[in-house]
C-alpha atoms as a PDB file:
ATOM      1  CA  MET A   1     -14.025 -13.024  35.118  1.00  0.00           C
ATOM      2  CA  ALA A   2     -16.883 -11.908  32.911  1.00  0.00           C
ATOM      3  CA  GLU A   3     -15.871  -8.287  33.359  1.00  0.00           C
ATOM      4  CA  ALA A   4     -12.247  -9.130  32.522  1.00  0.00           C
ATOM      5  CA  GLU A   5     -13.301 -10.955  29.372  1.00  0.00           C
ATOM      6  CA  ASN A   6     -15.390  -7.991  28.239  1.00  0.00           C
ATOM      7  CA  THR A   7     -12.458  -5.602  28.628  1.00  0.00           C
ATOM      8  CA  THR A   8      -9.901  -7.813  26.894  1.00  0.00           C
ATOM      9  CA  ALA A   9      -8.393  -6.137  23.816  1.00  0.00           C
ATOM     10  CA  PRO A  10      -9.281  -7.793  20.484  1.00  0.00           C
ATOM     11  CA  ASN A  11      -6.698 -10.048  18.893  1.00  0.00           C
ATOM     12  CA  TRP A  12      -6.031  -8.363  15.530  1.00  0.00           C
ATOM     13  CA  LEU A  13      -4.129 -11.435  14.354  1.00  0.00           C
ATOM     14  CA  GLU A  14      -7.333 -13.494  14.376  1.00  0.00           C
ATOM     15  CA  LEU A  15      -9.245 -11.171  12.030  1.00  0.00           C
ATOM     16  CA  PRO A  16      -9.995 -12.659   8.598  1.00  0.00           C
ATOM     17  CA  ARG A  17      -7.819 -11.130   5.890  1.00  0.00           C
ATOM     18  CA  ASP A  18     -10.771  -9.616   3.995  1.00  0.00           C
ATOM     19  CA  ILE A  19     -11.857  -7.726   7.125  1.00  0.00           C
ATOM     20  CA  THR A  20      -8.332  -6.468   7.803  1.00  0.00           C
ATOM     21  CA  THR A  21      -8.039  -5.322   4.183  1.00  0.00           C
ATOM     22  CA  ASN A  22     -11.393  -3.562   4.391  1.00  0.00           C
ATOM     23  CA  ILE A  23     -10.281  -1.693   7.515  1.00  0.00           C
ATOM     24  CA  LEU A  24      -7.002  -0.581   5.961  1.00  0.00           C
ATOM     25  CA  GLN A  25      -8.711   0.596   2.779  1.00  0.00           C
ATOM     26  CA  ARG A  26     -10.722   3.098   4.825  1.00  0.00           C
ATOM     27  CA  LEU A  27      -7.645   4.828   6.264  1.00  0.00           C
ATOM     28  CA  ASP A  28      -6.267   8.088   4.917  1.00  0.00           C
ATOM     29  CA  THR A  29      -2.552   8.890   4.772  1.00  0.00           C
ATOM     30  CA  ILE A  30      -2.287  10.207   8.334  1.00  0.00           C
ATOM     31  CA  GLU A  31      -4.172   7.228   9.731  1.00  0.00           C
ATOM     32  CA  ILE A  32      -1.947   4.868   7.773  1.00  0.00           C
ATOM     33  CA  VAL A  33       1.088   6.402   9.429  1.00  0.00           C
ATOM     34  CA  THR A  34      -0.339   6.420  12.939  1.00  0.00           C
ATOM     35  CA  ILE A  35      -2.608   3.361  12.938  1.00  0.00           C
ATOM     36  CA  ALA A  36      -1.618   0.837  10.262  1.00  0.00           C
ATOM     37  CA  CYS A  37       2.063   0.951  11.209  1.00  0.00           C
ATOM     38  CA  HIS A  38       1.103   0.589  14.878  1.00  0.00           C
ATOM     39  CA  ILE A  39      -1.079  -2.431  14.132  1.00  0.00           C
ATOM     40  CA  CYS A  40       1.681  -3.984  12.041  1.00  0.00           C
ATOM     41  CA  CYS A  41       4.286  -3.494  14.777  1.00  0.00           C
ATOM     42  CA  TYR A  42       1.838  -4.806  17.380  1.00  0.00           C
ATOM     43  CA  ALA A  43       1.325  -7.983  15.332  1.00  0.00           C
ATOM     44  CA  ILE A  44       5.085  -8.412  14.899  1.00  0.00           C
ATOM     45  CA  GLU A  45       5.704  -8.017  18.627  1.00  0.00           C
ATOM     46  CA  ARG A  46       2.899 -10.457  19.486  1.00  0.00           C
ATOM     47  CA  SER A  47       4.449 -13.089  17.198  1.00  0.00           C
ATOM     48  CA  CYS A  48       7.012 -13.783  19.948  1.00  0.00           C
ATOM     49  CA  GLY A  49       9.740 -14.663  17.467  1.00  0.00           C
ATOM     50  CA  HIS A  50       7.575 -17.010  15.365  1.00  0.00           C
ATOM     51  CA  LEU A  51       7.061 -14.677  12.405  1.00  0.00           C
ATOM     52  CA  GLU A  52       7.371 -16.716   9.200  1.00  0.00           C
ATOM     53  CA  ASP A  53       6.436 -14.290   6.456  1.00  0.00           C
ATOM     54  CA  ILE A  54       5.731 -10.566   6.243  1.00  0.00           C
ATOM     55  CA  ASP A  55       4.310  -8.749   3.225  1.00  0.00           C
ATOM     56  CA  ILE A  56       4.069  -4.935   3.423  1.00  0.00           C
ATOM     57  CA  GLN A  57       2.958  -2.693   0.581  1.00  0.00           C
ATOM     58  CA  PHE A  58       2.709   1.096   0.291  1.00  0.00           C
ATOM     59  CA  PHE A  59       3.191   2.177   3.912  1.00  0.00           C
ATOM     60  CA  GLY A  60       6.414   0.664   5.300  1.00  0.00           C
ATOM     61  CA  PHE A  61       8.802   2.846   7.302  1.00  0.00           C
ATOM     62  CA  ASN A  62      12.217   2.342   8.842  1.00  0.00           C
ATOM     63  CA  ASP A  63      10.493   2.090  12.238  1.00  0.00           C
ATOM     64  CA  VAL A  64       8.602  -0.984  11.015  1.00  0.00           C
ATOM     65  CA  LEU A  65      11.860  -2.470   9.744  1.00  0.00           C
ATOM     66  CA  GLN A  66      13.448  -1.879  13.123  1.00  0.00           C
ATOM     67  CA  CYS A  67      10.516  -3.614  14.800  1.00  0.00           C
ATOM     68  CA  ILE A  68      10.943  -6.609  12.491  1.00  0.00           C
ATOM     69  CA  ALA A  69      14.664  -6.769  13.210  1.00  0.00           C
ATOM     70  CA  MET A  70      14.112  -6.652  16.965  1.00  0.00           C
ATOM     71  CA  ASN A  71      11.296  -9.222  17.129  1.00  0.00           C
ATOM     72  CA  ALA A  72      11.741 -11.618  14.194  1.00  0.00           C
ATOM     73  CA  ASN A  73      15.334 -12.827  14.108  1.00  0.00           C
ATOM     74  CA  ASN A  74      14.245 -16.143  12.555  1.00  0.00           C
ATOM     75  CA  LEU A  75      12.255 -14.556   9.722  1.00  0.00           C
ATOM     76  CA  PRO A  76      12.765 -16.436   6.402  1.00  0.00           C
ATOM     77  CA  CYS A  77      10.536 -14.411   4.043  1.00  0.00           C
ATOM     78  CA  MET A  78      10.114 -10.629   3.713  1.00  0.00           C
ATOM     79  CA  ARG A  79       8.361  -8.563   1.042  1.00  0.00           C
ATOM     80  CA  LEU A  80       8.508  -4.758   1.052  1.00  0.00           C
ATOM     81  CA  VAL A  81       6.963  -3.319  -2.110  1.00  0.00           C
ATOM     82  CA  TYR A  82       6.264   0.341  -2.891  1.00  0.00           C
ATOM     83  CA  CYS A  83       7.567   1.322   0.537  1.00  0.00           C
ATOM     84  CA  TRP A  84       9.125   4.595  -0.569  1.00  0.00           C
ATOM     85  CA  ARG A  85       9.898   5.757   2.953  1.00  0.00           C
ATOM     86  CA  ILE A  86      12.159   2.777   3.648  1.00  0.00           C
ATOM     87  CA  SER A  87      15.789   3.756   3.111  1.00  0.00           C
ATOM     88  CA  ASP A  88      18.971   1.879   2.247  1.00  0.00           C
ATOM     89  CA  GLU A  89      20.209   2.687   5.735  1.00  0.00           C
ATOM     90  CA  GLY A  90      17.044   1.171   7.210  1.00  0.00           C
ATOM     91  CA  ILE A  91      17.401  -2.029   5.186  1.00  0.00           C
ATOM     92  CA  SER A  92      21.121  -2.311   5.963  1.00  0.00           C
ATOM     93  CA  ALA A  93      20.562  -1.920   9.706  1.00  0.00           C
ATOM     94  CA  ALA A  94      17.644  -4.366   9.815  1.00  0.00           C
ATOM     95  CA  VAL A  95      19.192  -7.267   7.893  1.00  0.00           C
ATOM     96  CA  ARG A  96      22.077  -7.455  10.348  1.00  0.00           C
ATOM     97  CA  ASN A  97      19.541  -9.016  12.720  1.00  0.00           C
ATOM     98  CA  LEU A  98      17.810 -11.139  10.070  1.00  0.00           C
ATOM     99  CA  PRO A  99      20.479 -13.680   9.048  1.00  0.00           C
ATOM    100  CA  LEU A 100      17.977 -16.445   8.230  1.00  0.00           C
ATOM    101  CA  LEU A 101      16.259 -14.598   5.385  1.00  0.00           C
ATOM    102  CA  GLU A 102      15.812 -16.838   2.354  1.00  0.00           C
ATOM    103  CA  GLU A 103      13.239 -14.975   0.237  1.00  0.00           C
ATOM    104  CA  VAL A 104      13.283 -11.184  -0.136  1.00  0.00           C
ATOM    105  CA  ASP A 105      11.347  -8.803  -2.378  1.00  0.00           C
ATOM    106  CA  ILE A 106      12.331  -5.122  -2.159  1.00  0.00           C
ATOM    107  CA  SER A 107      10.844  -3.970  -5.458  1.00  0.00           C
ATOM    108  CA  LEU A 108       9.597  -0.551  -6.566  1.00  0.00           C
ATOM    109  CA  ASN A 109      11.198   1.328  -3.696  1.00  0.00           C
ATOM    110  CA  MET A 110      13.685   4.194  -3.532  1.00  0.00           C
ATOM    111  CA  LEU A 111      16.538   1.765  -2.872  1.00  0.00           C
ATOM    112  CA  ASN A 112      19.861   1.173  -4.580  1.00  0.00           C
ATOM    113  CA  GLU A 113      22.638  -1.408  -4.602  1.00  0.00           C
ATOM    114  CA  ASP A 114      23.550  -0.688  -0.963  1.00  0.00           C
ATOM    115  CA  SER A 115      20.468  -2.585   0.204  1.00  0.00           C
ATOM    116  CA  LEU A 116      21.318  -5.551  -1.998  1.00  0.00           C
ATOM    117  CA  GLU A 117      24.904  -5.630  -0.788  1.00  0.00           C
ATOM    118  CA  ALA A 118      23.771  -5.597   2.837  1.00  0.00           C
ATOM    119  CA  LEU A 119      21.341  -8.442   2.125  1.00  0.00           C
ATOM    120  CA  GLY A 120      23.995 -10.514   0.382  1.00  0.00           C
ATOM    121  CA  ARG A 121      26.597 -10.053   3.094  1.00  0.00           C
ATOM    122  CA  CYS A 122      24.290 -10.470   6.103  1.00  0.00           C
ATOM    123  CA  CYS A 123      21.954 -13.206   4.824  1.00  0.00           C
ATOM    124  CA  PRO A 124      23.955 -16.212   3.566  1.00  0.00           C
ATOM    125  CA  ARG A 125      20.821 -18.356   3.126  1.00  0.00           C
ATOM    126  CA  LEU A 126      19.304 -16.150   0.414  1.00  0.00           C
ATOM    127  CA  LYS A 127      17.655 -18.239  -2.282  1.00  0.00           C
ATOM    128  CA  SER A 128      15.183 -15.829  -3.874  1.00  0.00           C
ATOM    129  CA  VAL A 129      15.617 -12.091  -4.496  1.00  0.00           C
ATOM    130  CA  THR A 130      13.276  -9.732  -6.316  1.00  0.00           C
ATOM    131  CA  PHE A 131      14.561  -6.243  -7.084  1.00  0.00           C
ATOM    132  CA  ALA A 132      12.297  -4.962  -9.852  1.00  0.00           C
ATOM    133  CA  ARG A 133      12.590  -1.282 -10.714  1.00  0.00           C
ATOM    134  CA  MET A 134      10.134   1.186 -12.252  1.00  0.00           C
ATOM    135  CA  LEU A 135      10.227   1.597 -16.019  1.00  0.00           C
ATOM    136  CA  CYS A 136      10.672   5.349 -15.727  1.00  0.00           C
ATOM    137  CA  GLU A 137      14.111   4.790 -14.147  1.00  0.00           C
ATOM    138  CA  HIS A 138      15.443   3.761 -17.556  1.00  0.00           C
ATOM    139  CA  PHE A 139      14.922   7.030 -19.305  1.00  0.00           C
ATOM    140  CA  GLY A 140      17.682   9.621 -19.304  1.00  0.00           C
ATOM    141  CA  TYR A 141      20.289   7.279 -17.827  1.00  0.00           C
ATOM    142  CA  GLY A 142      23.113   5.190 -19.252  1.00  0.00           C
ATOM    143  CA  SER A 143      23.787   1.533 -18.644  1.00  0.00           C
ATOM    144  CA  GLU A 144      24.417   0.336 -15.108  1.00  0.00           C
ATOM    145  CA  ASN A 145      25.843  -3.010 -14.055  1.00  0.00           C
ATOM    146  CA  ILE A 146      26.540  -2.221 -10.416  1.00  0.00           C
ATOM    147  CA  VAL A 147      23.395  -4.013  -9.220  1.00  0.00           C
ATOM    148  CA  ALA A 148      24.368  -7.106 -11.210  1.00  0.00           C
ATOM    149  CA  PHE A 149      27.938  -7.051  -9.885  1.00  0.00           C
ATOM    150  CA  VAL A 150      26.727  -6.763  -6.285  1.00  0.00           C
ATOM    151  CA  ILE A 151      24.411  -9.752  -6.786  1.00  0.00           C
ATOM    152  CA  ALA A 152      27.236 -11.758  -8.374  1.00  0.00           C
ATOM    153  CA  GLU A 153      29.649 -10.933  -5.570  1.00  0.00           C
ATOM    154  CA  THR A 154      27.394 -11.514  -2.561  1.00  0.00           C
ATOM    155  CA  MET A 155      24.622 -13.995  -3.501  1.00  0.00           C
ATOM    156  CA  PRO A 156      26.161 -17.211  -4.883  1.00  0.00           C
ATOM    157  CA  GLY A 157      23.367 -19.409  -3.504  1.00  0.00           C
ATOM    158  CA  LEU A 158      20.473 -17.804  -5.403  1.00  0.00           C
ATOM    159  CA  ARG A 159      17.871 -20.085  -6.997  1.00  0.00           C
ATOM    160  CA  HIS A 160      15.504 -17.347  -8.179  1.00  0.00           C
ATOM    161  CA  LEU A 161      16.276 -13.798  -9.280  1.00  0.00           C
ATOM    162  CA  ASN A 162      13.885 -11.162 -10.568  1.00  0.00           C
ATOM    163  CA  ILE A 163      15.552  -7.915 -11.696  1.00  0.00           C
ATOM    164  CA  GLU A 164      12.899  -6.580 -14.063  1.00  0.00           C
ATOM    165  CA  ALA A 165      13.499  -3.099 -15.493  1.00  0.00           C
ATOM    166  CA  ASN A 166      17.081  -2.903 -14.231  1.00  0.00           C
ATOM    167  CA  LYS A 167      19.734  -1.326 -16.435  1.00  0.00           C
ATOM    168  CA  LEU A 168      22.220  -4.160 -16.601  1.00  0.00           C
ATOM    169  CA  THR A 169      24.054  -4.959 -19.829  1.00  0.00           C
ATOM    170  CA  ASN A 170      25.409  -8.249 -21.148  1.00  0.00           C
ATOM    171  CA  ASN A 171      28.490  -7.938 -18.919  1.00  0.00           C
ATOM    172  CA  GLY A 172      26.320  -7.734 -15.818  1.00  0.00           C
ATOM    173  CA  LEU A 173      24.210 -10.702 -16.857  1.00  0.00           C
ATOM    174  CA  VAL A 174      27.316 -12.796 -17.551  1.00  0.00           C
ATOM    175  CA  ALA A 175      28.631 -11.938 -14.087  1.00  0.00           C
ATOM    176  CA  ILE A 176      25.407 -13.226 -12.519  1.00  0.00           C
ATOM    177  CA  LEU A 177      25.403 -16.425 -14.573  1.00  0.00           C
ATOM    178  CA  ASP A 178      29.046 -17.107 -13.700  1.00  0.00           C
ATOM    179  CA  ALA A 179      28.700 -16.420  -9.969  1.00  0.00           C
ATOM    180  CA  CYS A 180      25.292 -18.041  -9.300  1.00  0.00           C
ATOM    181  CA  PRO A 181      25.590 -21.663 -10.511  1.00  0.00           C
ATOM    182  CA  LEU A 182      22.437 -22.763  -8.638  1.00  0.00           C
ATOM    183  CA  LEU A 183      20.206 -20.195 -10.363  1.00  0.00           C
ATOM    184  CA  GLU A 184      17.116 -21.907 -11.777  1.00  0.00           C
ATOM    185  CA  SER A 185      14.731 -19.000 -12.386  1.00  0.00           C
ATOM    186  CA  LEU A 186      15.635 -15.649 -13.925  1.00  0.00           C
ATOM    187  CA  GLU A 187      13.249 -12.801 -14.776  1.00  0.00           C
ATOM    188  CA  ILE A 188      14.806  -9.974 -16.793  1.00  0.00           C
ATOM    189  CA  GLU A 189      11.836  -8.321 -18.457  1.00  0.00           C
ATOM    190  CA  ALA A 190      12.249  -4.684 -19.518  1.00  0.00           C
ATOM    191  CA  CYS A 191      16.053  -4.865 -19.215  1.00  0.00           C
ATOM    192  CA  PHE A 192      16.453  -2.872 -22.409  1.00  0.00           C
ATOM    193  CA  ASN A 193      20.270  -2.733 -22.428  1.00  0.00           C
ATOM    194  CA  LEU A 194      20.622  -6.477 -22.975  1.00  0.00           C
ATOM    195  CA  ASN A 195      21.364  -8.077 -26.331  1.00  0.00           C
ATOM    196  CA  LEU A 196      20.323 -11.718 -26.216  1.00  0.00           C
ATOM    197  CA  THR A 197      20.333 -12.530 -29.937  1.00  0.00           C
ATOM    198  CA  GLY A 198      23.647 -14.397 -29.837  1.00  0.00           C
ATOM    199  CA  ARG A 199      25.678 -16.657 -27.567  1.00  0.00           C
ATOM    200  CA  LEU A 200      24.445 -15.102 -24.311  1.00  0.00           C
ATOM    201  CA  GLY A 201      20.814 -15.801 -25.166  1.00  0.00           C
ATOM    202  CA  ARG A 202      21.630 -19.422 -25.906  1.00  0.00           C
ATOM    203  CA  ARG A 203      23.548 -19.689 -22.646  1.00  0.00           C
ATOM    204  CA  CYS A 204      20.607 -18.312 -20.670  1.00  0.00           C
ATOM    205  CA  HIS A 205      18.302 -20.832 -22.280  1.00  0.00           C
ATOM    206  CA  LYS A 206      20.660 -23.708 -21.535  1.00  0.00           C
ATOM    207  CA  GLN A 207      21.580 -22.736 -17.978  1.00  0.00           C
ATOM    208  CA  ILE A 208      18.238 -21.469 -16.600  1.00  0.00           C
ATOM    209  CA  LYS A 209      15.201 -23.721 -16.149  1.00  0.00           C
ATOM    210  CA  PHE A 210      12.650 -20.881 -16.061  1.00  0.00           C
ATOM    211  CA  LEU A 211      13.571 -17.802 -18.063  1.00  0.00           C
ATOM    212  CA  ARG A 212      11.424 -14.690 -18.519  1.00  0.00           C
ATOM    213  CA  LEU A 213      12.855 -12.410 -21.202  1.00  0.00           C
ATOM    214  CA  PRO A 214      12.129  -8.906 -22.497  1.00  0.00           C
ATOM    215  CA  ILE A 215       9.281  -8.884 -25.008  1.00  0.00           C
ATOM    216  CA  GLN A 216      11.565  -7.898 -27.891  1.00  0.00           C
ATOM    217  CA  TYR A 217      12.986 -11.432 -27.960  1.00  0.00           C
ATOM    218  CA  SER A 218       9.612 -13.148 -28.324  1.00  0.00           C
ATOM    219  CA  GLU A 219      10.276 -13.800 -32.031  1.00  0.00           C
ATOM    220  CA  TYR A 220      13.878 -14.913 -31.566  1.00  0.00           C
ATOM    221  CA  SER A 221      14.718 -18.613 -31.869  1.00  0.00           C
ATOM    222  CA  PHE A 222      17.316 -20.177 -29.588  1.00  0.00           C
ATOM    223  CA  ASP A 223      17.474 -23.248 -31.844  1.00  0.00           C
ATOM    224  CA  SER A 224      16.161 -25.564 -29.145  1.00  0.00           C
ATOM    225  CA  ASP A 225      13.069 -26.364 -27.100  1.00  0.00           C
ATOM    226  CA  ASP A 226      11.774 -23.018 -25.768  1.00  0.00           C
ATOM    227  CA  ASP A 227       9.324 -24.401 -23.198  1.00  0.00           C
ATOM    228  CA  ASN A 228      11.276 -22.795 -20.357  1.00  0.00           C
ATOM    229  CA  ILE A 229      11.100 -19.309 -21.878  1.00  0.00           C
ATOM    230  CA  SER A 230       8.265 -16.843 -21.470  1.00  0.00           C
ATOM    231  CA  TYR A 231       7.822 -13.238 -22.429  1.00  0.00           C
ATOM    232  CA  GLY A 232       5.789 -10.412 -21.023  1.00  0.00           C
ATOM    233  CA  ASP A 233       5.094  -6.718 -21.137  1.00  0.00           C
ATOM    234  CA  SER A 234       6.882  -6.372 -17.790  1.00  0.00           C
ATOM    235  CA  LEU A 235       5.746  -3.706 -15.329  1.00  0.00           C
ATOM    236  CA  THR A 236       2.385  -2.093 -15.961  1.00  0.00           C
ATOM    237  CA  ASP A 237       1.654   1.611 -16.217  1.00  0.00           C
ATOM    238  CA  GLU A 238       0.390   1.552 -12.634  1.00  0.00           C
ATOM    239  CA  ASP A 239       3.874   0.650 -11.434  1.00  0.00           C
ATOM    240  CA  ILE A 240       5.257   3.965 -12.688  1.00  0.00           C
ATOM    241  CA  TYR A 241       3.063   6.240 -10.636  1.00  0.00           C
ATOM    242  CA  TYR A 242       3.630   7.612  -7.151  1.00  0.00           C
ATOM    243  CA  PRO A 243       2.053   5.052  -4.835  1.00  0.00           C
ATOM    244  CA  TYR A 244       0.624   6.924  -1.877  1.00  0.00           C
ATOM    245  CA  ASP A 245      -2.880   7.264  -3.323  1.00  0.00           C
ATOM    246  CA  SER A 246      -3.157   3.477  -3.345  1.00  0.00           C
ATOM    247  CA  ASP A 247      -4.587   1.311  -0.620  1.00  0.00           C
ATOM    248  CA  SER A 248      -2.206   0.170   2.066  1.00  0.00           C
ATOM    249  CA  GLU A 249      -1.810  -3.457   2.909  1.00  0.00           C
ATOM    250  CA  PHE A 250       0.252  -5.667   5.123  1.00  0.00           C
ATOM    251  CA  GLU A 251       0.208  -9.324   5.972  1.00  0.00           C
ATOM    252  CA  VAL A 252       2.014 -11.238   8.654  1.00  0.00           C
ATOM    253  CA  VAL A 253       2.206 -15.003   8.925  1.00  0.00           C
ATOM    254  CA  ILE A 254       3.036 -16.447  12.324  1.00  0.00           C
ATOM    255  CA  ASP A 255       4.073 -19.963  13.203  1.00  0.00           C
ATOM    256  CA  ASP A 256       2.106 -20.976  16.299  1.00  0.00           C
ATOM    257  CA  ASP A 257       4.081 -24.169  16.869  1.00  0.00           C
ATOM    258  CA  ASP A 258       6.571 -24.379  19.686  1.00  0.00           C
ATOM    259  CA  ASP A 259      10.316 -24.385  19.059  1.00  0.00           C
ATOM    260  CA  ASP A 260      10.590 -28.176  18.986  1.00  0.00           C
ATOM    261  CA  ASP A 261       7.911 -28.513  16.326  1.00  0.00           C
ATOM    262  CA  HIS A 262       9.511 -25.713  14.348  1.00  0.00           C
ATOM    263  CA  ASP A 263      12.868 -27.505  14.393  1.00  0.00           C
ATOM    264  CA  ASP A 264      11.220 -30.726  13.260  1.00  0.00           C
ATOM    265  CA  ASP A 265       9.578 -28.948  10.353  1.00  0.00           C
ATOM    266  CA  GLU A 266      12.924 -27.582   9.229  1.00  0.00           C
END
C-alpha cells in the first residue's frame, strides 16, 4: 500500500490557485499548447460531469472546447477570453452539447455573429452574455448591426449584456431593447456609432437598471436620477495587442456534491 501511495499521480485539482498560476506562468508557447491544454482537459475529464464554471484565457483551442462539450453537459458558466485559436465552428459545435449554459463570455476572440447565433439557439437558459470586441476593430469599417440583430432574435431571456466596442447603431440597440424585456444590465462602452443624446438615451436610462455608457455621454443629462449610469474609458490599450506573449491561465470549478445535492441546490 505504501508503494502504491508513493506512485499515485498528483491531483492537479487540489493545487492552490497561486501555485497553479505560478506553474503556468513559467511555460513557453509550445509548453502551453502541449501541457497547459492537457492539464485543462485532464481536469475537465476528472470533473465527472460536475463542472460548474470554467475560465480560460489566452490558450484555448477547439480541442479544449470539444473536451468541455463531451464531459460537461451541465455546465452553466463558461468564459473564453483572448482565445484566438477558438473558431466559430468550434463554438457552434460545442454549444450543441451545452444546453444549460446561463453565463457566457467570449470576448476579445476572432469570433463573429455565428458564435452568438449558435449560443442563442442552443442555450435557451442564457442570462448573461459578454461579447466585447477590440477597439482596433472599429477603424476602417462602417456600422454593423448584425451582432445586435442576432442577440435580439435569439436571446430574449438576457438579464445582462456586455457588447463593449461593437459597431452597432441606434437601430441595433433598439432591436435589443425591444426583444430583451428582462434586460437589467447593459454595457455599451466604446460603441462609437451610437447617438444617445435624445429619446433612445432616455429610454435606456428608464428601462435598464445598470447602464454603462460610452465616455462621450458623461456630460449628458437624462433629466432624471442618473445613479444607475456609469461611464468608463472602455477597453485598455493592452486589449488591442496580440495576446500570445501574455501569461496563460485557466480555472475550473467543480461541484463535488452528488446529483441529489446538486438538484436540491438548484
